[in-house]
Amino acid sequence: MPLRHDIRRGALCMLAAHALFTCMSAVVKHLSDAIPLVELMFFRSAFALPVVALIALRGAGLATLRTKRLGGHAMRAASGTAAQACGFFSLGLLPIAEQTALNYTQPMFVTILAIPFLGEVVRIHRWSAVVVGFLGVLVIAAGRGDGFAGGAALGIGVAVAGGMFSALTTLLVRQLSATESSTTITLWQSLLMSAFSLVLLPFVWVTPSGEELGLLVLVGVVGGTAQWLLTEAYASAQVSAVAPYSYSGLLWSMLLGWVVFADVPDLAMIGGSLLIVAAGLYILHREMVRRRAKQAEETEP
């Protein structure tokens, strides 16, 4: 998909994507007590697949599925499945806003994991941002006044693990992108994640009620639509221009958590979230600086 250099369109797509992801998270949280985790994951992947397939196949058709790196796609799908499992599990234990904030630890883990995966050299600027980001996690954890009642400690740990698996997924996508198109990566991701959850589904299946079935289908369709909007956002403008809008998910989650679940964020939650977001934005800034410097070196005679 050609880059359109339309920042306004990219920003709107990013805002809409994260609004829909937050709505999906709210439905998952609502269903988490009644529907097993694997079943939630299956509906999320399976009913997103038609949306993803329609987008991925509209260009090259079935040729989009051609790949010589099926093992790489399987690893990417496995890490994506682990990230999704952590996200859905922690949603059942934490307020939406808190879970969302902790998932924004992804850029910190990308910085750390890029050392062994990509051979990158991480200097003091990005290391400082990583420290600040994890300090935000500690602020959120320490600020809880309920003594981690209801499995909150486990929820915090699993949410942070979700950020780590999301970072691993990002790095695996970078490796695959050297030879595979984004549509091929996205389609194989959806196919394999659906297959992974389908294998386990018979062992945990709980027959949903009519209302629950409708909500489960909604989780997949909304998730797939959000995924498409995310793709459109990055196809519309440079990453540095649209990526900051991804943090709007925190505002959506605070609003929805307050309106739907009566979860009012406290000062520790807000302060810790600001530290995590600031760290993520600074890492993005340093990544852009590093990339521009590298491009300048390559263009020198």
Protein backbone atom coordinates (compact mmCIF):
# COMPACT_ATOMS: atom_id res chain seq x y z
CA MET A 1 0.00 0.00 0.00
CA PRO A 2 1.66 3.30 -1.05
CA LEU A 3 2.43 5.91 1.56
CA ARG A 4 -0.02 8.81 1.13
CA HIS A 5 1.74 11.38 3.34
CA ASP A 6 -1.67 12.39 4.68
CA ILE A 7 -1.02 13.11 8.36
CA ARG A 8 -4.62 14.16 9.06
CA ARG A 9 -5.98 10.90 7.68
CA GLY A 10 -3.34 8.88 9.50
CA ALA A 11 -4.10 10.59 12.80
CA LEU A 12 -7.85 10.05 12.44
CA CYS A 13 -7.33 6.36 11.59
CA MET A 14 -5.04 5.93 14.60
CA LEU A 15 -7.51 7.64 16.95
CA ALA A 16 -10.37 5.53 15.62
CA ALA A 17 -8.34 2.32 15.83
CA HIS A 18 -7.51 2.80 19.49
CA ALA A 19 -11.05 3.86 20.32
CA LEU A 20 -12.26 0.56 18.83
CA PHE A 21 -9.52 -1.45 20.57
CA THR A 22 -10.66 0.07 23.87
CA CYS A 23 -14.29 -0.83 23.14
CA MET A 24 -13.16 -4.38 22.35
CA SER A 25 -11.26 -4.52 25.65
CA ALA A 26 -14.37 -3.41 27.53
CA VAL A 27 -16.41 -6.22 25.98
CA VAL A 28 -13.63 -8.74 26.75
CA LYS A 29 -13.55 -7.56 30.36
CA HIS A 30 -17.33 -7.87 30.58
CA LEU A 31 -17.21 -11.45 29.26
CA SER A 32 -14.09 -12.58 31.13
CA ASP A 33 -15.95 -14.09 34.10
CA ALA A 34 -18.29 -16.17 31.93
CA ILE A 35 -16.20 -17.15 28.88
CA PRO A 36 -12.83 -18.99 29.06
CA LEU A 37 -9.73 -17.14 27.92
CA VAL A 38 -9.04 -19.43 24.94
CA GLU A 39 -12.63 -19.07 23.72
CA LEU A 40 -12.35 -15.28 23.89
CA MET A 41 -9.13 -15.45 21.91
CA PHE A 42 -10.65 -17.74 19.28
CA PHE A 43 -13.58 -15.42 18.60
CA ARG A 44 -11.24 -12.42 18.54
CA SER A 45 -9.07 -14.02 15.84
CA ALA A 46 -11.65 -16.02 13.89
CA PHE A 47 -14.19 -13.23 13.40
CA ALA A 48 -11.47 -10.70 12.64
CA LEU A 49 -10.18 -12.99 9.90
CA PRO A 50 -12.83 -12.08 7.26
CA VAL A 51 -12.06 -8.38 7.72
CA VAL A 52 -8.30 -8.96 7.55
CA ALA A 53 -8.59 -11.36 4.60
CA LEU A 54 -10.74 -8.93 2.60
CA ILE A 55 -8.10 -6.25 3.01
CA ALA A 56 -5.09 -8.52 2.49
CA LEU A 57 -6.46 -10.30 -0.58
CA ARG A 58 -7.81 -7.28 -2.43
CA GLY A 59 -4.48 -6.64 -4.12
CA ALA A 60 -2.57 -9.77 -5.10
CA GLY A 61 -5.32 -12.24 -4.23
CA LEU A 62 -4.25 -15.66 -3.00
CA ALA A 63 -0.68 -14.86 -3.99
CA THR A 64 -0.57 -12.90 -0.74
CA LEU A 65 -0.28 -16.23 1.09
CA ARG A 66 2.91 -17.24 -0.75
CA THR A 67 5.84 -17.37 1.63
CA LYS A 68 9.14 -19.16 2.15
CA ARG A 69 9.25 -18.19 5.82
CA LEU A 70 6.38 -20.12 7.36
CA GLY A 71 8.48 -20.78 10.47
CA GLY A 72 8.99 -17.05 10.95
CA HIS A 73 5.25 -16.44 10.59
CA ALA A 74 4.57 -19.19 13.14
CA MET A 75 6.96 -17.57 15.64
CA ARG A 76 5.32 -14.18 15.06
CA ALA A 77 1.86 -15.67 15.54
CA ALA A 78 2.97 -17.52 18.69
CA SER A 79 4.31 -14.33 20.27
CA GLY A 80 1.17 -12.49 19.19
CA THR A 81 -0.97 -15.19 20.77
CA ALA A 82 1.00 -14.91 24.01
CA ALA A 83 0.59 -11.11 24.00
CA GLN A 84 -3.14 -11.44 23.38
CA ALA A 85 -3.50 -14.04 26.14
CA CYS A 86 -1.70 -11.77 28.61
CA GLY A 87 -3.85 -8.82 27.57
CA PHE A 88 -7.16 -10.64 27.89
CA PHE A 89 -6.16 -12.34 31.17
CA SER A 90 -5.04 -9.09 32.81
CA LEU A 91 -8.23 -7.34 31.69
CA GLY A 92 -10.14 -9.69 33.98
CA LEU A 93 -8.06 -8.56 36.96
CA LEU A 94 -7.36 -4.86 36.39
CA PRO A 95 -9.25 -1.71 35.43
CA ILE A 96 -9.08 -1.08 31.68
CA ALA A 97 -7.05 2.10 32.03
CA GLU A 98 -4.45 0.42 34.23
CA GLN A 99 -4.12 -2.55 31.90
CA THR A 100 -3.78 -0.22 28.92
CA ALA A 101 -1.10 1.88 30.61
CA LEU A 102 0.94 -1.20 31.52
CA ASN A 103 0.72 -2.49 27.95
CA TYR A 104 2.46 0.70 26.84
CA THR A 105 5.66 -0.77 28.27
CA GLN A 106 6.08 -2.28 24.79
CA PRO A 107 8.55 0.39 23.52
CA MET A 108 10.75 -0.19 26.55
CA PHE A 109 10.91 -3.91 25.84
CA VAL A 110 11.52 -3.25 22.13
CA THR A 111 14.56 -1.19 23.14
CA ILE A 112 15.88 -3.97 25.37
CA LEU A 113 15.15 -6.87 23.01
CA ALA A 114 16.55 -5.04 19.97
CA ILE A 115 20.02 -5.62 21.43
CA PRO A 116 20.03 -9.43 21.01
CA PHE A 117 17.54 -9.58 18.11
CA LEU A 118 18.76 -6.78 15.86
CA GLY A 119 22.24 -6.14 17.22
CA GLU A 120 21.37 -2.53 18.04
CA VAL A 121 23.52 -0.42 20.33
CA VAL A 122 21.34 1.27 22.97
CA ARG A 123 22.87 4.38 24.46
CA ILE A 124 22.16 6.48 27.54
CA HIS A 125 19.18 8.39 26.11
CA ARG A 126 17.05 5.32 25.42
CA TRP A 127 18.27 3.50 28.54
CA SER A 128 17.15 6.50 30.61
CA ALA A 129 13.72 6.36 28.98
CA VAL A 130 13.47 2.64 29.76
CA VAL A 131 14.24 3.32 33.43
CA VAL A 132 11.63 6.11 33.56
CA GLY A 133 9.03 3.85 31.94
CA PHE A 134 9.52 1.04 34.43
CA LEU A 135 9.49 3.59 37.24
CA GLY A 136 5.98 4.41 36.00
CA VAL A 137 5.03 0.74 36.40
CA LEU A 138 6.28 0.83 40.00
CA VAL A 139 4.31 4.01 40.68
CA ILE A 140 1.11 2.37 39.44
CA ALA A 141 1.77 -0.78 41.47
CA ALA A 142 2.76 1.04 44.65
CA GLY A 143 -0.20 3.40 44.42
CA ARG A 144 -2.83 0.69 44.74
CA GLY A 145 -4.63 1.09 48.05
CA ASP A 146 -6.29 -2.33 48.07
CA GLY A 147 -3.19 -4.35 48.91
CA PHE A 148 -3.39 -6.03 45.49
CA ALA A 149 -6.77 -7.54 46.33
CA GLY A 150 -8.50 -9.65 43.69
CA GLY A 151 -5.31 -10.82 41.99
CA ALA A 152 -4.14 -7.31 41.08
CA ALA A 153 -0.46 -8.20 41.58
CA LEU A 154 -0.83 -11.08 39.14
CA GLY A 155 -2.71 -8.82 36.76
CA ILE A 156 0.06 -6.20 36.82
CA GLY A 157 2.73 -8.83 36.20
CA VAL A 158 0.81 -10.43 33.33
CA ALA A 159 0.01 -7.03 31.75
CA VAL A 160 3.71 -6.12 31.75
CA ALA A 161 4.49 -9.56 30.29
CA GLY A 162 1.98 -8.72 27.56
CA GLY A 163 4.04 -5.62 26.76
CA MET A 164 7.12 -7.81 26.49
CA PHE A 165 5.44 -10.29 24.11
CA SER A 166 4.08 -7.37 22.05
CA ALA A 167 7.63 -6.05 21.77
CA LEU A 168 8.87 -9.48 20.68
CA THR A 169 6.12 -9.57 18.06
CA THR A 170 7.19 -6.16 16.77
CA LEU A 171 10.79 -7.30 16.38
CA LEU A 172 9.76 -10.50 14.62
CA VAL A 173 7.69 -8.40 12.20
CA ARG A 174 10.76 -6.26 11.52
CA GLN A 175 12.72 -9.38 10.63
CA LEU A 176 9.95 -10.75 8.41
CA SER A 177 9.53 -7.38 6.69
CA ALA A 178 12.92 -7.83 5.03
CA THR A 179 11.35 -10.35 2.62
CA GLU A 180 7.57 -10.34 3.29
CA SER A 181 4.91 -7.71 2.59
CA SER A 182 2.83 -6.28 5.41
CA THR A 183 -0.32 -7.88 3.97
CA THR A 184 1.31 -11.32 3.91
CA ILE A 185 2.46 -10.92 7.51
CA THR A 186 -0.98 -9.73 8.67
CA LEU A 187 -2.87 -12.51 6.91
CA TRP A 188 -0.63 -15.30 8.18
CA GLN A 189 -0.84 -13.80 11.67
CA SER A 190 -4.64 -13.98 11.66
CA LEU A 191 -4.74 -17.46 10.15
CA LEU A 192 -2.23 -18.96 12.57
CA MET A 193 -3.56 -17.23 15.68
CA SER A 194 -7.03 -18.56 14.85
CA ALA A 195 -5.55 -22.04 14.37
CA PHE A 196 -3.63 -21.95 17.67
CA SER A 197 -6.72 -21.09 19.70
CA LEU A 198 -8.87 -23.55 17.72
CA VAL A 199 -6.64 -26.45 18.79
CA LEU A 200 -7.34 -25.76 22.48
CA LEU A 201 -10.95 -24.66 22.07
CA PRO A 202 -12.63 -28.11 22.49
CA PHE A 203 -10.98 -28.54 25.91
CA VAL A 204 -12.40 -25.30 27.37
CA TRP A 205 -15.58 -24.67 25.37
CA VAL A 206 -18.46 -23.08 27.24
CA THR A 207 -21.63 -22.64 25.20
CA PRO A 208 -22.41 -18.90 25.24
CA SER A 209 -25.88 -17.47 25.59
CA GLY A 210 -27.37 -15.59 22.67
CA GLU A 211 -26.25 -12.27 24.10
CA GLU A 212 -22.76 -13.57 24.85
CA LEU A 213 -22.45 -15.01 21.33
CA GLY A 214 -23.32 -11.64 19.85
CA LEU A 215 -20.72 -9.94 22.02
CA LEU A 216 -18.08 -12.54 21.10
CA VAL A 217 -18.68 -11.95 17.40
CA LEU A 218 -18.51 -8.21 18.09
CA VAL A 219 -15.09 -8.66 19.72
CA GLY A 220 -13.73 -10.19 16.52
CA VAL A 221 -15.34 -7.77 14.07
CA VAL A 222 -14.40 -4.68 16.09
CA GLY A 223 -10.87 -6.01 16.62
CA GLY A 224 -10.47 -6.74 12.91
CA THR A 225 -11.77 -3.31 11.94
CA ALA A 226 -9.41 -1.66 14.42
CA GLN A 227 -6.55 -3.67 12.95
CA TRP A 228 -7.45 -2.42 9.47
CA LEU A 229 -7.58 1.19 10.70
CA LEU A 230 -4.17 0.73 12.30
CA THR A 231 -2.77 -0.49 8.97
CA GLU A 232 -4.35 2.47 7.20
CA ALA A 233 -2.86 4.88 9.75
CA TYR A 234 0.68 3.65 9.12
CA ALA A 235 0.06 3.61 5.36
CA SER A 236 -1.09 7.24 5.44
CA ALA A 237 1.95 8.91 6.97
CA GLN A 238 5.31 8.31 8.58
CA VAL A 239 5.43 6.39 11.84
CA SER A 240 6.84 9.40 13.69
CA ALA A 241 3.80 11.45 12.67
CA VAL A 242 1.04 9.03 13.65
CA ALA A 243 2.51 6.81 16.39
CA PRO A 244 2.01 9.40 19.19
CA TYR A 245 -1.74 9.23 18.58
CA SER A 246 -1.68 5.60 19.70
CA TYR A 247 -1.47 6.84 23.27
CA SER A 248 -5.03 8.14 22.89
CA GLY A 249 -5.97 4.60 23.92
CA LEU A 250 -5.18 5.59 27.49
CA LEU A 251 -7.71 8.43 27.38
CA TRP A 252 -10.35 6.18 25.81
CA SER A 253 -9.74 3.51 28.44
CA MET A 254 -9.98 5.98 31.33
CA LEU A 255 -13.25 7.34 29.96
CA LEU A 256 -14.79 3.93 29.23
CA GLY A 257 -13.57 2.47 32.52
CA TRP A 258 -15.19 5.33 34.40
CA VAL A 259 -18.50 5.27 32.48
CA VAL A 260 -18.98 1.49 32.18
CA PHE A 261 -17.15 0.00 35.17
CA ALA A 262 -17.07 2.97 37.58
CA ASP A 263 -13.25 2.75 37.74
CA VAL A 264 -11.95 6.20 38.65
CA PRO A 265 -8.16 6.49 38.13
CA ASP A 266 -6.23 7.77 41.15
CA LEU A 267 -3.20 10.06 41.18
CA ALA A 268 -0.73 7.15 41.21
CA MET A 269 -2.41 5.62 38.15
CA ILE A 270 -2.33 8.94 36.29
CA GLY A 271 1.23 9.76 37.36
CA GLY A 272 2.58 6.32 36.49
CA SER A 273 0.79 6.39 33.15
CA LEU A 274 2.33 9.76 32.29
CA LEU A 275 5.80 8.39 33.04
CA ILE A 276 5.20 5.36 30.79
CA VAL A 277 3.79 7.49 27.95
CA ALA A 278 6.61 10.03 28.24
CA ALA A 279 9.18 7.23 28.08
CA GLY A 280 7.52 5.72 25.02
CA LEU A 281 7.38 9.06 23.21
CA TYR A 282 11.02 9.82 24.01
CA ILE A 283 12.10 6.40 22.74
CA LEU A 284 10.18 7.12 19.51
CA HIS A 285 11.92 10.50 19.26
CA ARG A 286 15.37 8.98 19.73
CA GLU A 287 14.56 6.26 17.19
CA MET A 288 13.71 8.94 14.61
CA VAL A 289 16.91 10.87 15.44
CA ARG A 290 18.97 7.70 15.06
CA ARG A 291 17.28 6.82 11.76
CA ARG A 292 17.83 10.29 10.30
CA ALA A 293 21.49 10.18 11.29
CA LYS A 294 21.89 6.79 9.63
CA GLN A 295 20.22 8.03 6.44
CA ALA A 296 22.48 11.08 6.41
CA GLU A 297 25.56 8.86 6.66
CA GLU A 298 24.32 6.65 3.79
CA THR A 299 23.74 9.65 1.49
CA GLU A 300 27.15 11.22 2.10
CA PRO A 301 29.48 10.90 -0.92
